[in-house]
Amino acid sequence: MENYHDSLHDLAAQIDRVGLHAPATILLDLLCPLDVISSQIAQFARPLVRGTSLDPYARLLAEPASWQELRRLLSRQ
């Protein structure tokens, strides 16, 4: 579970590092009611992105709780 939290923390740090903190926060707030659907879309995309640099993110965001945790991490930064 620690690896899961570290991966989400790294994703939040990368979003912040590339200057997408505000747009990502707005988008995550807008998608808040759709966390389950967003996680299903990420799950659906997993076979399509397997073996690419997007694979870890699709795997991570395939759980609805990941969206909530990412939103929480970005709000703290």
N, C-alpha and C. Protein backbone atom coordinates (compact mmCIF):
# COMPACT_ATOMS: atom_id res chain seq x y z
N MET A 1 0.82 -1.20 0.00
CA MET A 1 0.00 0.00 0.00
C MET A 1 0.86 1.26 0.00
N GLU A 2 2.03 1.17 0.62
CA GLU A 2 2.93 2.33 0.66
C GLU A 2 3.37 2.71 -0.76
N ASN A 3 3.64 1.71 -1.59
CA ASN A 3 4.03 1.97 -2.96
C ASN A 3 2.92 2.71 -3.70
N TYR A 4 1.68 2.34 -3.43
CA TYR A 4 0.51 2.99 -4.02
C TYR A 4 0.49 4.47 -3.66
N HIS A 5 0.67 4.77 -2.38
CA HIS A 5 0.66 6.17 -1.93
C HIS A 5 1.85 6.93 -2.52
N ASP A 6 3.01 6.30 -2.55
CA ASP A 6 4.20 6.94 -3.13
C ASP A 6 3.98 7.25 -4.61
N SER A 7 3.34 6.34 -5.33
CA SER A 7 3.08 6.56 -6.75
C SER A 7 2.14 7.73 -6.96
N LEU A 8 1.11 7.82 -6.14
CA LEU A 8 0.18 8.96 -6.24
C LEU A 8 0.88 10.26 -5.87
N HIS A 9 1.73 10.21 -4.87
CA HIS A 9 2.48 11.41 -4.47
C HIS A 9 3.40 11.84 -5.61
N ASP A 10 4.05 10.89 -6.27
CA ASP A 10 4.91 11.22 -7.41
C ASP A 10 4.11 11.82 -8.56
N LEU A 11 2.93 11.28 -8.82
CA LEU A 11 2.08 11.81 -9.88
C LEU A 11 1.67 13.25 -9.56
N ALA A 12 1.28 13.52 -8.33
CA ALA A 12 0.92 14.88 -7.93
C ALA A 12 2.12 15.82 -8.06
N ALA A 13 3.30 15.34 -7.69
CA ALA A 13 4.50 16.17 -7.81
C ALA A 13 4.83 16.45 -9.28
N GLN A 14 4.65 15.47 -10.14
CA GLN A 14 4.90 15.68 -11.57
C GLN A 14 3.92 16.68 -12.16
N ILE A 15 2.66 16.58 -11.77
CA ILE A 15 1.65 17.54 -12.24
C ILE A 15 2.05 18.95 -11.82
N ASP A 16 2.48 19.08 -10.59
CA ASP A 16 2.91 20.39 -10.08
C ASP A 16 4.16 20.88 -10.79
N ARG A 17 5.11 19.98 -11.03
CA ARG A 17 6.39 20.33 -11.63
C ARG A 17 6.23 20.87 -13.06
N VAL A 18 5.28 20.32 -13.82
CA VAL A 18 5.10 20.76 -15.21
C VAL A 18 4.15 21.96 -15.31
N GLY A 19 3.70 22.48 -14.17
CA GLY A 19 2.89 23.67 -14.17
C GLY A 19 1.41 23.46 -14.44
N LEU A 20 0.92 22.24 -14.22
CA LEU A 20 -0.48 21.93 -14.47
C LEU A 20 -1.28 21.78 -13.18
N HIS A 21 -0.76 22.34 -12.12
CA HIS A 21 -1.44 22.20 -10.82
C HIS A 21 -2.86 22.77 -10.86
N ALA A 22 -3.00 24.02 -11.28
CA ALA A 22 -4.33 24.65 -11.30
C ALA A 22 -5.29 23.97 -12.27
N PRO A 23 -4.88 23.71 -13.53
CA PRO A 23 -5.82 23.03 -14.44
C PRO A 23 -6.19 21.63 -13.96
N ALA A 24 -5.23 20.91 -13.40
CA ALA A 24 -5.51 19.55 -12.92
C ALA A 24 -6.47 19.59 -11.74
N THR A 25 -6.28 20.55 -10.86
CA THR A 25 -7.16 20.68 -9.70
C THR A 25 -8.59 21.00 -10.14
N ILE A 26 -8.72 21.91 -11.08
CA ILE A 26 -10.05 22.26 -11.60
C ILE A 26 -10.70 21.05 -12.26
N LEU A 27 -9.95 20.35 -13.10
CA LEU A 27 -10.48 19.18 -13.79
C LEU A 27 -10.88 18.09 -12.80
N LEU A 28 -10.05 17.84 -11.82
CA LEU A 28 -10.38 16.81 -10.82
C LEU A 28 -11.61 17.20 -10.01
N ASP A 29 -11.75 18.48 -9.71
CA ASP A 29 -12.95 18.93 -8.99
C ASP A 29 -14.20 18.76 -9.84
N LEU A 30 -14.08 19.05 -11.14
CA LEU A 30 -15.22 18.88 -12.03
C LEU A 30 -15.61 17.41 -12.18
N LEU A 31 -14.61 16.53 -12.20
CA LEU A 31 -14.87 15.11 -12.39
C LEU A 31 -15.19 14.37 -11.09
N CYS A 32 -15.19 15.06 -9.98
CA CYS A 32 -15.40 14.43 -8.68
C CYS A 32 -16.63 13.51 -8.64
N PRO A 33 -17.78 13.93 -9.17
CA PRO A 33 -18.94 13.02 -9.14
C PRO A 33 -18.77 11.81 -10.06
N LEU A 34 -17.79 11.87 -10.93
CA LEU A 34 -17.60 10.80 -11.91
C LEU A 34 -16.36 9.95 -11.63
N ASP A 35 -15.92 9.89 -10.38
CA ASP A 35 -14.72 9.12 -10.04
C ASP A 35 -14.82 7.66 -10.48
N VAL A 36 -15.97 7.06 -10.29
CA VAL A 36 -16.14 5.65 -10.66
C VAL A 36 -16.03 5.50 -12.18
N ILE A 37 -16.67 6.38 -12.91
CA ILE A 37 -16.60 6.32 -14.38
C ILE A 37 -15.18 6.61 -14.85
N SER A 38 -14.52 7.59 -14.23
CA SER A 38 -13.13 7.90 -14.60
C SER A 38 -12.22 6.70 -14.36
N SER A 39 -12.43 6.00 -13.27
CA SER A 39 -11.60 4.82 -12.99
C SER A 39 -11.91 3.70 -13.98
N GLN A 40 -13.15 3.58 -14.41
CA GLN A 40 -13.50 2.57 -15.42
C GLN A 40 -12.86 2.90 -16.76
N ILE A 41 -12.80 4.18 -17.10
CA ILE A 41 -12.12 4.58 -18.34
C ILE A 41 -10.64 4.25 -18.26
N ALA A 42 -10.03 4.51 -17.11
CA ALA A 42 -8.61 4.16 -16.93
C ALA A 42 -8.42 2.66 -17.03
N GLN A 43 -9.33 1.89 -16.45
CA GLN A 43 -9.26 0.43 -16.53
C GLN A 43 -9.40 -0.03 -17.97
N PHE A 44 -10.32 0.58 -18.71
CA PHE A 44 -10.52 0.24 -20.12
C PHE A 44 -9.27 0.54 -20.94
N ALA A 45 -8.57 1.62 -20.60
CA ALA A 45 -7.39 2.04 -21.36
C ALA A 45 -6.15 1.20 -21.06
N ARG A 46 -6.17 0.46 -19.97
CA ARG A 46 -4.97 -0.29 -19.58
C ARG A 46 -4.41 -1.19 -20.68
N PRO A 47 -5.23 -1.99 -21.37
CA PRO A 47 -4.64 -2.82 -22.44
C PRO A 47 -4.08 -1.99 -23.59
N LEU A 48 -4.64 -0.81 -23.79
CA LEU A 48 -4.19 0.05 -24.89
C LEU A 48 -2.86 0.73 -24.60
N VAL A 49 -2.56 0.95 -23.35
CA VAL A 49 -1.33 1.66 -22.98
C VAL A 49 -0.28 0.74 -22.36
N ARG A 50 -0.58 -0.55 -22.30
CA ARG A 50 0.37 -1.50 -21.70
C ARG A 50 1.71 -1.43 -22.42
N GLY A 51 2.76 -1.32 -21.65
CA GLY A 51 4.11 -1.26 -22.19
C GLY A 51 4.55 0.15 -22.56
N THR A 52 3.70 1.14 -22.33
CA THR A 52 4.08 2.53 -22.61
C THR A 52 4.33 3.26 -21.30
N SER A 53 4.73 4.50 -21.40
CA SER A 53 4.97 5.29 -20.19
C SER A 53 3.67 5.64 -19.45
N LEU A 54 2.52 5.46 -20.11
CA LEU A 54 1.23 5.75 -19.48
C LEU A 54 0.69 4.58 -18.66
N ASP A 55 1.27 3.41 -18.82
CA ASP A 55 0.78 2.21 -18.13
C ASP A 55 0.71 2.36 -16.62
N PRO A 56 1.75 2.87 -15.96
CA PRO A 56 1.65 3.00 -14.50
C PRO A 56 0.52 3.94 -14.06
N TYR A 57 0.27 4.98 -14.82
CA TYR A 57 -0.78 5.92 -14.46
C TYR A 57 -2.16 5.30 -14.65
N ALA A 58 -2.34 4.56 -15.74
CA ALA A 58 -3.62 3.88 -15.98
C ALA A 58 -3.88 2.86 -14.89
N ARG A 59 -2.85 2.12 -14.49
CA ARG A 59 -2.99 1.13 -13.42
C ARG A 59 -3.35 1.82 -12.11
N LEU A 60 -2.69 2.92 -11.83
CA LEU A 60 -2.91 3.66 -10.59
C LEU A 60 -4.31 4.27 -10.53
N LEU A 61 -4.76 4.85 -11.63
CA LEU A 61 -6.04 5.56 -11.64
C LEU A 61 -7.23 4.66 -11.96
N ALA A 62 -7.00 3.37 -12.02
CA ALA A 62 -8.10 2.43 -12.27
C ALA A 62 -8.96 2.21 -11.02
N GLU A 63 -8.56 2.78 -9.90
CA GLU A 63 -9.31 2.68 -8.65
C GLU A 63 -9.94 4.02 -8.32
N PRO A 64 -11.24 4.05 -8.00
CA PRO A 64 -11.89 5.33 -7.66
C PRO A 64 -11.22 6.07 -6.51
N ALA A 65 -10.69 5.35 -5.55
CA ALA A 65 -10.04 5.99 -4.41
C ALA A 65 -8.79 6.76 -4.83
N SER A 66 -8.17 6.36 -5.92
CA SER A 66 -6.97 7.05 -6.40
C SER A 66 -7.30 8.47 -6.83
N TRP A 67 -8.46 8.65 -7.44
CA TRP A 67 -8.86 9.99 -7.88
C TRP A 67 -9.07 10.89 -6.67
N GLN A 68 -9.68 10.36 -5.62
CA GLN A 68 -9.90 11.14 -4.40
C GLN A 68 -8.58 11.49 -3.73
N GLU A 69 -7.68 10.52 -3.69
CA GLU A 69 -6.38 10.75 -3.06
C GLU A 69 -5.55 11.76 -3.86
N LEU A 70 -5.59 11.66 -5.18
CA LEU A 70 -4.86 12.61 -6.02
C LEU A 70 -5.42 14.02 -5.81
N ARG A 71 -6.71 14.14 -5.72
CA ARG A 71 -7.35 15.43 -5.46
C ARG A 71 -6.88 15.98 -4.10
N ARG A 72 -6.81 15.12 -3.11
CA ARG A 72 -6.35 15.54 -1.78
C ARG A 72 -4.89 15.98 -1.80
N LEU A 73 -4.05 15.21 -2.48
CA LEU A 73 -2.62 15.56 -2.56
C LEU A 73 -2.40 16.88 -3.27
N LEU A 74 -3.13 17.12 -4.34
CA LEU A 74 -2.97 18.38 -5.07
C LEU A 74 -3.49 19.56 -4.26
N SER A 75 -4.49 19.35 -3.45
CA SER A 75 -5.02 20.46 -2.64
C SER A 75 -4.06 20.84 -1.53
N ARG A 76 -3.18 19.93 -1.14
CA ARG A 76 -2.20 20.20 -0.09
C ARG A 76 -0.99 20.93 -0.61
N GLN A 77 -0.74 20.88 -1.90
CA GLN A 77 0.48 21.49 -2.46
C GLN A 77 0.27 22.95 -2.76
